[in-house]
């Protein structure tokens, strides 16, 4: 039989205060409500728990036994509530995250280290990969994704934005000149990644009712590594298009020069992705809020 809890807290309050009136004050209820709940409890148990007189309330033998058991249960519930509240403030346990390799190394991992310092009871596992894992099947609590998302059952929360920059080293520009239009890229050595095209926003795209235009480019170097492309650009080997987290510091230092600013593509979202069919745990919620705040302040 499933136990019912109606009247238990009221009964315990009456026993501990020795009065229906005092119990009502403790629980911020009316005396009539306390009396009604205790009476219904006695009816349900088919047992007299309290002797009531106009002057005082006393506990029956059955009531004393019932009180001892209820007191332990209520203390256990209070401790459970304290544990849950503590968990909200101090997350603990395992937290498994995946992120793209370079972005994860340069941006996410340092932030996770800061998060680990703040919450020392967490065990954090970060898997850096450009592969898009099945979060549920692989047991991930959270994924960091960049750009357009595939249709899925995942919940996606935007954390920040990523910008793409087209740039080159001053030495390259002194030797080959600076392109001012997209058509001029055809006579430059473009440092290629895994794609044969770069993204731009221009008048042609707007006239064709597209947000962006994919422009096919060519060059004599092709690497499937943004870090390798960055190194080639810094050494004056050509023009490169890379996300801001690769090139921001070098642009500020003057080691790279931003090109074609009027054609810069639309910023992309950086997402926190987590399973739709799970209630967001305290530790994941805290991490998402932490990453959002940290990334927006960059």
C-alpha atoms as a PDB file:
ATOM      1  CA  UNK A   1       0.000   0.000   0.000  1.00  0.00           C
ATOM      2  CA  UNK A   2       1.358   3.402  -0.950  1.00  0.00           C
ATOM      3  CA  UNK A   3       1.524   5.652   2.126  1.00  0.00           C
ATOM      4  CA  UNK A   4      -0.299   8.985   2.098  1.00  0.00           C
ATOM      5  CA  UNK A   5       1.387  12.031   3.585  1.00  0.00           C
ATOM      6  CA  UNK A   6      -1.666  14.222   4.171  1.00  0.00           C
ATOM      7  CA  UNK A   7      -1.749  15.309   7.789  1.00  0.00           C
ATOM      8  CA  UNK A   8       1.641  13.898   8.777  1.00  0.00           C
ATOM      9  CA  UNK A   9       3.464  17.236   8.991  1.00  0.00           C
ATOM     10  CA  UNK A  10       0.513  18.742  10.861  1.00  0.00           C
ATOM     11  CA  UNK A  11       0.456  15.852  13.345  1.00  0.00           C
ATOM     12  CA  UNK A  12       4.196  16.139  13.994  1.00  0.00           C
ATOM     13  CA  UNK A  13       3.878  19.889  14.517  1.00  0.00           C
ATOM     14  CA  UNK A  14       1.093  19.375  17.100  1.00  0.00           C
ATOM     15  CA  UNK A  15       3.161  16.805  18.998  1.00  0.00           C
ATOM     16  CA  UNK A  16       6.259  19.005  19.016  1.00  0.00           C
ATOM     17  CA  UNK A  17       4.467  22.232  20.007  1.00  0.00           C
ATOM     18  CA  UNK A  18       1.889  20.584  22.305  1.00  0.00           C
ATOM     19  CA  UNK A  19      -0.871  22.690  20.781  1.00  0.00           C
ATOM     20  CA  UNK A  20      -3.002  22.949  17.689  1.00  0.00           C
ATOM     21  CA  UNK A  21      -2.729  26.728  17.901  1.00  0.00           C
ATOM     22  CA  UNK A  22       1.063  26.708  18.072  1.00  0.00           C
ATOM     23  CA  UNK A  23       1.249  24.115  15.293  1.00  0.00           C
ATOM     24  CA  UNK A  24      -0.901  26.398  13.138  1.00  0.00           C
ATOM     25  CA  UNK A  25       1.482  29.297  13.783  1.00  0.00           C
ATOM     26  CA  UNK A  26       4.509  27.173  12.879  1.00  0.00           C
ATOM     27  CA  UNK A  27       2.975  26.023   9.608  1.00  0.00           C
ATOM     28  CA  UNK A  28       1.244  29.326   8.759  1.00  0.00           C
ATOM     29  CA  UNK A  29      -2.138  27.583   8.606  1.00  0.00           C
ATOM     30  CA  UNK A  30      -5.383  28.023  10.486  1.00  0.00           C
ATOM     31  CA  UNK A  31      -6.061  26.010  13.627  1.00  0.00           C
ATOM     32  CA  UNK A  32      -9.107  24.529  11.894  1.00  0.00           C
ATOM     33  CA  UNK A  33      -6.949  23.266   9.003  1.00  0.00           C
ATOM     34  CA  UNK A  34      -4.503  21.621  11.400  1.00  0.00           C
ATOM     35  CA  UNK A  35      -7.328  19.961  13.328  1.00  0.00           C
ATOM     36  CA  UNK A  36      -9.037  18.760  10.158  1.00  0.00           C
ATOM     37  CA  UNK A  37      -5.843  17.259   8.700  1.00  0.00           C
ATOM     38  CA  UNK A  38      -5.005  15.407  11.938  1.00  0.00           C
ATOM     39  CA  UNK A  39      -8.574  14.080  12.251  1.00  0.00           C
ATOM     40  CA  UNK A  40      -8.484  12.774   8.672  1.00  0.00           C
ATOM     41  CA  UNK A  41      -5.110  11.157   9.402  1.00  0.00           C
ATOM     42  CA  UNK A  42      -6.580   9.369  12.431  1.00  0.00           C
ATOM     43  CA  UNK A  43      -9.536   8.216  10.369  1.00  0.00           C
ATOM     44  CA  UNK A  44      -7.230   6.874   7.663  1.00  0.00           C
ATOM     45  CA  UNK A  45      -5.153   4.989  10.244  1.00  0.00           C
ATOM     46  CA  UNK A  46      -8.256   3.963  12.231  1.00  0.00           C
ATOM     47  CA  UNK A  47      -6.239   4.876  15.322  1.00  0.00           C
ATOM     48  CA  UNK A  48      -6.448   7.589  17.961  1.00  0.00           C
ATOM     49  CA  UNK A  49      -3.178   9.531  17.913  1.00  0.00           C
ATOM     50  CA  UNK A  50      -3.997  12.456  20.203  1.00  0.00           C
ATOM     51  CA  UNK A  51      -6.136  13.076  23.269  1.00  0.00           C
ATOM     52  CA  UNK A  52      -7.767  16.488  23.006  1.00  0.00           C
ATOM     53  CA  UNK A  53      -9.157  18.455  25.900  1.00  0.00           C
ATOM     54  CA  UNK A  54      -9.974  22.130  26.238  1.00  0.00           C
ATOM     55  CA  UNK A  55      -6.791  22.630  28.233  1.00  0.00           C
ATOM     56  CA  UNK A  56      -4.155  20.496  26.531  1.00  0.00           C
ATOM     57  CA  UNK A  57      -3.243  17.931  23.916  1.00  0.00           C
ATOM     58  CA  UNK A  58      -1.527  14.666  24.842  1.00  0.00           C
ATOM     59  CA  UNK A  59      -0.176  11.862  22.687  1.00  0.00           C
ATOM     60  CA  UNK A  60      -1.505   8.314  22.786  1.00  0.00           C
ATOM     61  CA  UNK A  61       0.807   5.310  22.840  1.00  0.00           C
ATOM     62  CA  UNK A  62       0.064   4.686  19.161  1.00  0.00           C
ATOM     63  CA  UNK A  63       0.580   8.375  18.490  1.00  0.00           C
ATOM     64  CA  UNK A  64       3.978   8.329  20.173  1.00  0.00           C
ATOM     65  CA  UNK A  65       5.091   5.339  18.080  1.00  0.00           C
ATOM     66  CA  UNK A  66       3.749   6.926  14.899  1.00  0.00           C
ATOM     67  CA  UNK A  67       5.462  10.225  15.755  1.00  0.00           C
ATOM     68  CA  UNK A  68       8.874   8.566  16.165  1.00  0.00           C
ATOM     69  CA  UNK A  69       8.639   6.983  12.714  1.00  0.00           C
ATOM     70  CA  UNK A  70       7.261  10.124  11.071  1.00  0.00           C
ATOM     71  CA  UNK A  71       9.950  12.297  12.665  1.00  0.00           C
ATOM     72  CA  UNK A  72      12.659  10.120  11.063  1.00  0.00           C
ATOM     73  CA  UNK A  73      10.934  10.243   7.686  1.00  0.00           C
ATOM     74  CA  UNK A  74      10.496  14.028   7.794  1.00  0.00           C
ATOM     75  CA  UNK A  75      14.121  14.489   8.816  1.00  0.00           C
ATOM     76  CA  UNK A  76      15.117  12.295   5.888  1.00  0.00           C
ATOM     77  CA  UNK A  77      13.010  14.392   3.521  1.00  0.00           C
ATOM     78  CA  UNK A  78      14.530  17.595   4.884  1.00  0.00           C
ATOM     79  CA  UNK A  79      18.003  16.167   4.407  1.00  0.00           C
ATOM     80  CA  UNK A  80      17.090  15.120   0.846  1.00  0.00           C
ATOM     81  CA  UNK A  81      15.917  18.676   0.100  1.00  0.00           C
ATOM     82  CA  UNK A  82      19.124  20.121   1.543  1.00  0.00           C
ATOM     83  CA  UNK A  83      21.160  17.713  -0.584  1.00  0.00           C
ATOM     84  CA  UNK A  84      19.320  18.728  -3.762  1.00  0.00           C
ATOM     85  CA  UNK A  85      19.697  22.439  -2.972  1.00  0.00           C
ATOM     86  CA  UNK A  86      23.382  21.874  -2.251  1.00  0.00           C
ATOM     87  CA  UNK A  87      23.717  20.040  -5.557  1.00  0.00           C
ATOM     88  CA  UNK A  88      22.232  23.044  -7.346  1.00  0.00           C
ATOM     89  CA  UNK A  89      24.902  25.271  -5.816  1.00  0.00           C
ATOM     90  CA  UNK A  90      27.768  22.775  -5.802  1.00  0.00           C
ATOM     91  CA  UNK A  91      27.461  20.383  -8.747  1.00  0.00           C
ATOM     92  CA  UNK A  92      29.291  17.100  -8.501  1.00  0.00           C
ATOM     93  CA  UNK A  93      29.736  13.922 -10.499  1.00  0.00           C
ATOM     94  CA  UNK A  94      30.696  13.331 -14.113  1.00  0.00           C
ATOM     95  CA  UNK A  95      30.295  15.857 -16.909  1.00  0.00           C
ATOM     96  CA  UNK A  96      31.113  14.694 -20.448  1.00  0.00           C
ATOM     97  CA  UNK A  97      31.463  17.302 -23.186  1.00  0.00           C
ATOM     98  CA  UNK A  98      32.478  17.310 -26.830  1.00  0.00           C
ATOM     99  CA  UNK A  99      33.698  20.280 -28.876  1.00  0.00           C
ATOM    100  CA  UNK A 100      35.429  20.939 -32.230  1.00  0.00           C
ATOM    101  CA  UNK A 101      39.170  20.397 -32.004  1.00  0.00           C
ATOM    102  CA  UNK A 102      40.694  23.843 -32.457  1.00  0.00           C
ATOM    103  CA  UNK A 103      37.869  25.826 -30.899  1.00  0.00           C
ATOM    104  CA  UNK A 104      37.796  23.341 -28.056  1.00  0.00           C
ATOM    105  CA  UNK A 105      41.557  23.587 -27.465  1.00  0.00           C
ATOM    106  CA  UNK A 106      41.778  27.361 -27.684  1.00  0.00           C
ATOM    107  CA  UNK A 107      38.505  28.499 -26.153  1.00  0.00           C
ATOM    108  CA  UNK A 108      36.440  25.764 -24.456  1.00  0.00           C
ATOM    109  CA  UNK A 109      39.183  23.867 -22.605  1.00  0.00           C
ATOM    110  CA  UNK A 110      40.525  26.950 -20.760  1.00  0.00           C
ATOM    111  CA  UNK A 111      36.968  27.863 -19.751  1.00  0.00           C
ATOM    112  CA  UNK A 112      36.340  24.318 -18.532  1.00  0.00           C
ATOM    113  CA  UNK A 113      39.476  24.590 -16.432  1.00  0.00           C
ATOM    114  CA  UNK A 114      38.086  27.757 -14.861  1.00  0.00           C
ATOM    115  CA  UNK A 115      34.786  25.941 -14.267  1.00  0.00           C
ATOM    116  CA  UNK A 116      36.651  23.017 -12.666  1.00  0.00           C
ATOM    117  CA  UNK A 117      38.387  25.417 -10.284  1.00  0.00           C
ATOM    118  CA  UNK A 118      35.032  26.853  -9.268  1.00  0.00           C
ATOM    119  CA  UNK A 119      33.419  23.426  -8.755  1.00  0.00           C
ATOM    120  CA  UNK A 120      36.076  20.987  -7.481  1.00  0.00           C
ATOM    121  CA  UNK A 121      33.607  18.119  -6.974  1.00  0.00           C
ATOM    122  CA  UNK A 122      33.053  17.734 -10.724  1.00  0.00           C
ATOM    123  CA  UNK A 123      34.797  15.140 -12.875  1.00  0.00           C
ATOM    124  CA  UNK A 124      35.032  16.669 -16.348  1.00  0.00           C
ATOM    125  CA  UNK A 125      35.782  14.779 -19.560  1.00  0.00           C
ATOM    126  CA  UNK A 126      36.308  16.787 -22.740  1.00  0.00           C
ATOM    127  CA  UNK A 127      36.420  14.971 -26.076  1.00  0.00           C
ATOM    128  CA  UNK A 128      37.793  17.156 -28.871  1.00  0.00           C
ATOM    129  CA  UNK A 129      36.627  16.019 -32.278  1.00  0.00           C
ATOM    130  CA  UNK A 130      35.204  17.483 -35.460  1.00  0.00           C
ATOM    131  CA  UNK A 131      33.008  14.404 -35.671  1.00  0.00           C
ATOM    132  CA  UNK A 132      29.403  15.004 -34.671  1.00  0.00           C
ATOM    133  CA  UNK A 133      28.658  12.323 -32.093  1.00  0.00           C
ATOM    134  CA  UNK A 134      25.263  10.967 -31.116  1.00  0.00           C
ATOM    135  CA  UNK A 135      25.051  12.581 -27.691  1.00  0.00           C
ATOM    136  CA  UNK A 136      22.654  10.071 -26.148  1.00  0.00           C
ATOM    137  CA  UNK A 137      24.355   6.995 -27.581  1.00  0.00           C
ATOM    138  CA  UNK A 138      27.848   8.202 -26.622  1.00  0.00           C
ATOM    139  CA  UNK A 139      26.799   9.436 -23.185  1.00  0.00           C
ATOM    140  CA  UNK A 140      27.595  13.128 -23.671  1.00  0.00           C
ATOM    141  CA  UNK A 141      25.948  15.698 -21.422  1.00  0.00           C
ATOM    142  CA  UNK A 142      26.726  18.603 -23.740  1.00  0.00           C
ATOM    143  CA  UNK A 143      28.127  19.355 -27.183  1.00  0.00           C
ATOM    144  CA  UNK A 144      29.569  22.619 -28.465  1.00  0.00           C
ATOM    145  CA  UNK A 145      28.705  23.132 -32.136  1.00  0.00           C
ATOM    146  CA  UNK A 146      29.485  25.944 -34.550  1.00  0.00           C
ATOM    147  CA  UNK A 147      27.442  27.176 -37.499  1.00  0.00           C
ATOM    148  CA  UNK A 148      24.409  25.598 -39.063  1.00  0.00           C
ATOM    149  CA  UNK A 149      22.836  22.737 -37.130  1.00  0.00           C
ATOM    150  CA  UNK A 150      21.411  19.577 -38.556  1.00  0.00           C
ATOM    151  CA  UNK A 151      17.794  18.803 -37.766  1.00  0.00           C
ATOM    152  CA  UNK A 152      17.754  16.766 -34.589  1.00  0.00           C
ATOM    153  CA  UNK A 153      15.916  16.100 -31.352  1.00  0.00           C
ATOM    154  CA  UNK A 154      18.519  18.114 -29.476  1.00  0.00           C
ATOM    155  CA  UNK A 155      17.901  21.404 -27.683  1.00  0.00           C
ATOM    156  CA  UNK A 156      20.233  24.125 -28.984  1.00  0.00           C
ATOM    157  CA  UNK A 157      21.082  27.221 -26.963  1.00  0.00           C
ATOM    158  CA  UNK A 158      23.152  29.981 -28.606  1.00  0.00           C
ATOM    159  CA  UNK A 159      26.221  30.872 -26.533  1.00  0.00           C
ATOM    160  CA  UNK A 160      28.015  33.386 -28.718  1.00  0.00           C
ATOM    161  CA  UNK A 161      28.853  34.269 -32.319  1.00  0.00           C
ATOM    162  CA  UNK A 162      31.735  33.379 -34.617  1.00  0.00           C
ATOM    163  CA  UNK A 163      33.019  35.689 -37.346  1.00  0.00           C
ATOM    164  CA  UNK A 164      34.953  34.691 -40.456  1.00  0.00           C
ATOM    165  CA  UNK A 165      37.852  36.896 -41.532  1.00  0.00           C
ATOM    166  CA  UNK A 166      39.633  37.000 -44.869  1.00  0.00           C
ATOM    167  CA  UNK A 167      43.195  38.165 -44.275  1.00  0.00           C
ATOM    168  CA  UNK A 168      46.826  37.967 -45.299  1.00  0.00           C
ATOM    169  CA  UNK A 169      50.258  38.922 -43.978  1.00  0.00           C
ATOM    170  CA  UNK A 170      51.657  42.393 -44.801  1.00  0.00           C
ATOM    171  CA  UNK A 171      54.586  40.772 -46.674  1.00  0.00           C
ATOM    172  CA  UNK A 172      52.196  38.959 -49.019  1.00  0.00           C
ATOM    173  CA  UNK A 173      50.212  42.125 -49.678  1.00  0.00           C
ATOM    174  CA  UNK A 174      53.350  44.163 -50.396  1.00  0.00           C
ATOM    175  CA  UNK A 175      54.364  41.605 -53.004  1.00  0.00           C
ATOM    176  CA  UNK A 176      51.005  40.805 -54.619  1.00  0.00           C
ATOM    177  CA  UNK A 177      48.756  43.725 -53.723  1.00  0.00           C
ATOM    178  CA  UNK A 178      45.483  43.846 -51.806  1.00  0.00           C
ATOM    179  CA  UNK A 179      42.234  42.597 -53.386  1.00  0.00           C
ATOM    180  CA  UNK A 180      39.350  45.057 -53.118  1.00  0.00           C
ATOM    181  CA  UNK A 181      36.651  43.034 -54.890  1.00  0.00           C
ATOM    182  CA  UNK A 182      35.765  39.346 -54.883  1.00  0.00           C
ATOM    183  CA  UNK A 183      36.696  38.970 -58.550  1.00  0.00           C
ATOM    184  CA  UNK A 184      40.279  39.951 -57.719  1.00  0.00           C
ATOM    185  CA  UNK A 185      40.708  36.802 -55.598  1.00  0.00           C
ATOM    186  CA  UNK A 186      41.111  34.832 -58.845  1.00  0.00           C
ATOM    187  CA  UNK A 187      44.641  36.181 -59.250  1.00  0.00           C
ATOM    188  CA  UNK A 188      45.693  35.442 -55.680  1.00  0.00           C
ATOM    189  CA  UNK A 189      46.936  32.315 -53.959  1.00  0.00           C
ATOM    190  CA  UNK A 190      44.101  31.323 -51.655  1.00  0.00           C
ATOM    191  CA  UNK A 191      44.993  28.964 -48.831  1.00  0.00           C
ATOM    192  CA  UNK A 192      42.382  26.204 -48.945  1.00  0.00           C
ATOM    193  CA  UNK A 193      40.894  24.088 -46.204  1.00  0.00           C
ATOM    194  CA  UNK A 194      38.499  21.191 -46.674  1.00  0.00           C
ATOM    195  CA  UNK A 195      36.183  23.246 -48.930  1.00  0.00           C
ATOM    196  CA  UNK A 196      36.761  24.702 -52.396  1.00  0.00           C
ATOM    197  CA  UNK A 197      34.824  27.870 -51.633  1.00  0.00           C
ATOM    198  CA  UNK A 198      34.762  30.772 -49.215  1.00  0.00           C
ATOM    199  CA  UNK A 199      31.683  32.507 -47.829  1.00  0.00           C
ATOM    200  CA  UNK A 200      30.907  36.152 -48.496  1.00  0.00           C
ATOM    201  CA  UNK A 201      28.023  38.571 -48.333  1.00  0.00           C
ATOM    202  CA  UNK A 202      27.716  40.824 -51.367  1.00  0.00           C
ATOM    203  CA  UNK A 203      25.224  42.600 -53.622  1.00  0.00           C
ATOM    204  CA  UNK A 204      24.890  39.602 -55.932  1.00  0.00           C
ATOM    205  CA  UNK A 205      23.748  37.438 -53.036  1.00  0.00           C
ATOM    206  CA  UNK A 206      21.231  40.078 -51.981  1.00  0.00           C
ATOM    207  CA  UNK A 207      19.867  40.421 -55.533  1.00  0.00           C
ATOM    208  CA  UNK A 208      19.399  36.661 -55.700  1.00  0.00           C
ATOM    209  CA  UNK A 209      17.625  36.752 -52.335  1.00  0.00           C
ATOM    210  CA  UNK A 210      20.379  34.804 -50.615  1.00  0.00           C
ATOM    211  CA  UNK A 211      21.993  35.807 -47.379  1.00  0.00           C
ATOM    212  CA  UNK A 212      25.412  34.721 -48.571  1.00  0.00           C
ATOM    213  CA  UNK A 213      27.397  33.783 -51.608  1.00  0.00           C
ATOM    214  CA  UNK A 214      29.780  30.850 -51.825  1.00  0.00           C
ATOM    215  CA  UNK A 215      32.731  31.830 -54.000  1.00  0.00           C
ATOM    216  CA  UNK A 216      34.988  29.126 -55.411  1.00  0.00           C
ATOM    217  CA  UNK A 217      38.664  29.949 -54.817  1.00  0.00           C
ATOM    218  CA  UNK A 218      41.927  28.227 -55.705  1.00  0.00           C
ATOM    219  CA  UNK A 219      45.521  28.058 -54.572  1.00  0.00           C
ATOM    220  CA  UNK A 220      48.527  25.797 -54.354  1.00  0.00           C
ATOM    221  CA  UNK A 221      48.194  24.854 -50.668  1.00  0.00           C
ATOM    222  CA  UNK A 222      45.372  22.797 -49.157  1.00  0.00           C
ATOM    223  CA  UNK A 223      45.369  21.731 -45.513  1.00  0.00           C
ATOM    224  CA  UNK A 224      42.648  20.165 -43.396  1.00  0.00           C
ATOM    225  CA  UNK A 225      43.954  22.117 -40.411  1.00  0.00           C
ATOM    226  CA  UNK A 226      43.122  25.692 -39.519  1.00  0.00           C
ATOM    227  CA  UNK A 227      46.337  25.953 -37.529  1.00  0.00           C
ATOM    228  CA  UNK A 228      48.388  24.926 -40.565  1.00  0.00           C
ATOM    229  CA  UNK A 229      46.536  27.450 -42.756  1.00  0.00           C
ATOM    230  CA  UNK A 230      47.168  30.164 -40.185  1.00  0.00           C
ATOM    231  CA  UNK A 231      50.879  29.400 -40.159  1.00  0.00           C
ATOM    232  CA  UNK A 232      50.982  29.560 -43.964  1.00  0.00           C
ATOM    233  CA  UNK A 233      49.217  32.924 -43.948  1.00  0.00           C
ATOM    234  CA  UNK A 234      51.566  34.332 -41.298  1.00  0.00           C
ATOM    235  CA  UNK A 235      54.521  33.279 -43.463  1.00  0.00           C
ATOM    236  CA  UNK A 236      53.164  35.221 -46.419  1.00  0.00           C
ATOM    237  CA  UNK A 237      52.144  32.242 -48.542  1.00  0.00           C
ATOM    238  CA  UNK A 238      48.673  33.513 -49.449  1.00  0.00           C
ATOM    239  CA  UNK A 239      45.272  34.782 -48.403  1.00  0.00           C
ATOM    240  CA  UNK A 240      43.243  32.805 -45.881  1.00  0.00           C
ATOM    241  CA  UNK A 241      39.679  32.815 -44.577  1.00  0.00           C
ATOM    242  CA  UNK A 242      39.501  31.644 -40.965  1.00  0.00           C
ATOM    243  CA  UNK A 243      37.284  32.088 -37.886  1.00  0.00           C
ATOM    244  CA  UNK A 244      38.029  34.879 -35.456  1.00  0.00           C
ATOM    245  CA  UNK A 245      39.490  32.652 -32.743  1.00  0.00           C
ATOM    246  CA  UNK A 246      42.362  31.749 -35.095  1.00  0.00           C
ATOM    247  CA  UNK A 247      43.242  35.228 -36.287  1.00  0.00           C
ATOM    248  CA  UNK A 248      41.970  37.835 -33.792  1.00  0.00           C
ATOM    249  CA  UNK A 249      45.257  38.248 -31.894  1.00  0.00           C
ATOM    250  CA  UNK A 250      47.314  38.408 -35.097  1.00  0.00           C
ATOM    251  CA  UNK A 251      45.020  41.055 -36.570  1.00  0.00           C
ATOM    252  CA  UNK A 252      45.384  43.155 -33.425  1.00  0.00           C
ATOM    253  CA  UNK A 253      49.180  42.783 -33.565  1.00  0.00           C
ATOM    254  CA  UNK A 254      49.322  43.738 -37.240  1.00  0.00           C
ATOM    255  CA  UNK A 255      50.779  40.367 -38.249  1.00  0.00           C
ATOM    256  CA  UNK A 256      47.693  39.836 -40.424  1.00  0.00           C
ATOM    257  CA  UNK A 257      45.607  42.403 -42.313  1.00  0.00           C
ATOM    258  CA  UNK A 258      41.843  42.085 -42.721  1.00  0.00           C
ATOM    259  CA  UNK A 259      40.716  42.085 -46.357  1.00  0.00           C
ATOM    260  CA  UNK A 260      37.404  42.551 -48.146  1.00  0.00           C
ATOM    261  CA  UNK A 261      35.695  43.909 -45.048  1.00  0.00           C
ATOM    262  CA  UNK A 262      32.650  45.016 -47.059  1.00  0.00           C
ATOM    263  CA  UNK A 263      32.077  41.404 -48.051  1.00  0.00           C
ATOM    264  CA  UNK A 264      32.441  39.800 -44.623  1.00  0.00           C
ATOM    265  CA  UNK A 265      29.974  36.906 -44.254  1.00  0.00           C
ATOM    266  CA  UNK A 266      27.230  36.787 -41.675  1.00  0.00           C
ATOM    267  CA  UNK A 267      28.335  35.705 -38.222  1.00  0.00           C
ATOM    268  CA  UNK A 268      27.576  32.139 -37.204  1.00  0.00           C
ATOM    269  CA  UNK A 269      26.173  30.945 -33.906  1.00  0.00           C
ATOM    270  CA  UNK A 270      28.154  28.927 -31.399  1.00  0.00           C
ATOM    271  CA  UNK A 271      25.729  26.501 -29.782  1.00  0.00           C
ATOM    272  CA  UNK A 272      25.391  24.440 -26.638  1.00  0.00           C
ATOM    273  CA  UNK A 273      23.564  21.262 -27.603  1.00  0.00           C
ATOM    274  CA  UNK A 274      21.975  18.791 -25.186  1.00  0.00           C
ATOM    275  CA  UNK A 275      19.344  16.027 -25.358  1.00  0.00           C
ATOM    276  CA  UNK A 276      15.744  17.165 -25.633  1.00  0.00           C
ATOM    277  CA  UNK A 277      14.230  14.293 -23.679  1.00  0.00           C
ATOM    278  CA  UNK A 278      16.237  14.847 -20.518  1.00  0.00           C
ATOM    279  CA  UNK A 279      15.645  17.411 -17.808  1.00  0.00           C
ATOM    280  CA  UNK A 280      18.626  19.728 -17.825  1.00  0.00           C
ATOM    281  CA  UNK A 281      20.714  18.816 -14.784  1.00  0.00           C
ATOM    282  CA  UNK A 282      22.037  21.467 -12.427  1.00  0.00           C
ATOM    283  CA  UNK A 283      25.634  20.880 -13.470  1.00  0.00           C
ATOM    284  CA  UNK A 284      24.845  21.210 -17.185  1.00  0.00           C
ATOM    285  CA  UNK A 285      22.674  24.276 -16.596  1.00  0.00           C
ATOM    286  CA  UNK A 286      25.458  25.923 -14.579  1.00  0.00           C
ATOM    287  CA  UNK A 287      28.045  25.086 -17.242  1.00  0.00           C
ATOM    288  CA  UNK A 288      25.898  26.475 -20.066  1.00  0.00           C
ATOM    289  CA  UNK A 289      25.339  29.712 -18.123  1.00  0.00           C
ATOM    290  CA  UNK A 290      29.061  29.917 -17.311  1.00  0.00           C
ATOM    291  CA  UNK A 291      30.098  29.424 -20.950  1.00  0.00           C
ATOM    292  CA  UNK A 292      27.517  31.915 -22.201  1.00  0.00           C
ATOM    293  CA  UNK A 293      28.711  34.603 -19.818  1.00  0.00           C
ATOM    294  CA  UNK A 294      32.392  33.941 -20.546  1.00  0.00           C
ATOM    295  CA  UNK A 295      32.013  33.823 -24.328  1.00  0.00           C
ATOM    296  CA  UNK A 296      29.849  36.937 -24.545  1.00  0.00           C
ATOM    297  CA  UNK A 297      32.433  38.890 -22.568  1.00  0.00           C
ATOM    298  CA  UNK A 298      35.257  37.970 -24.943  1.00  0.00           C
END
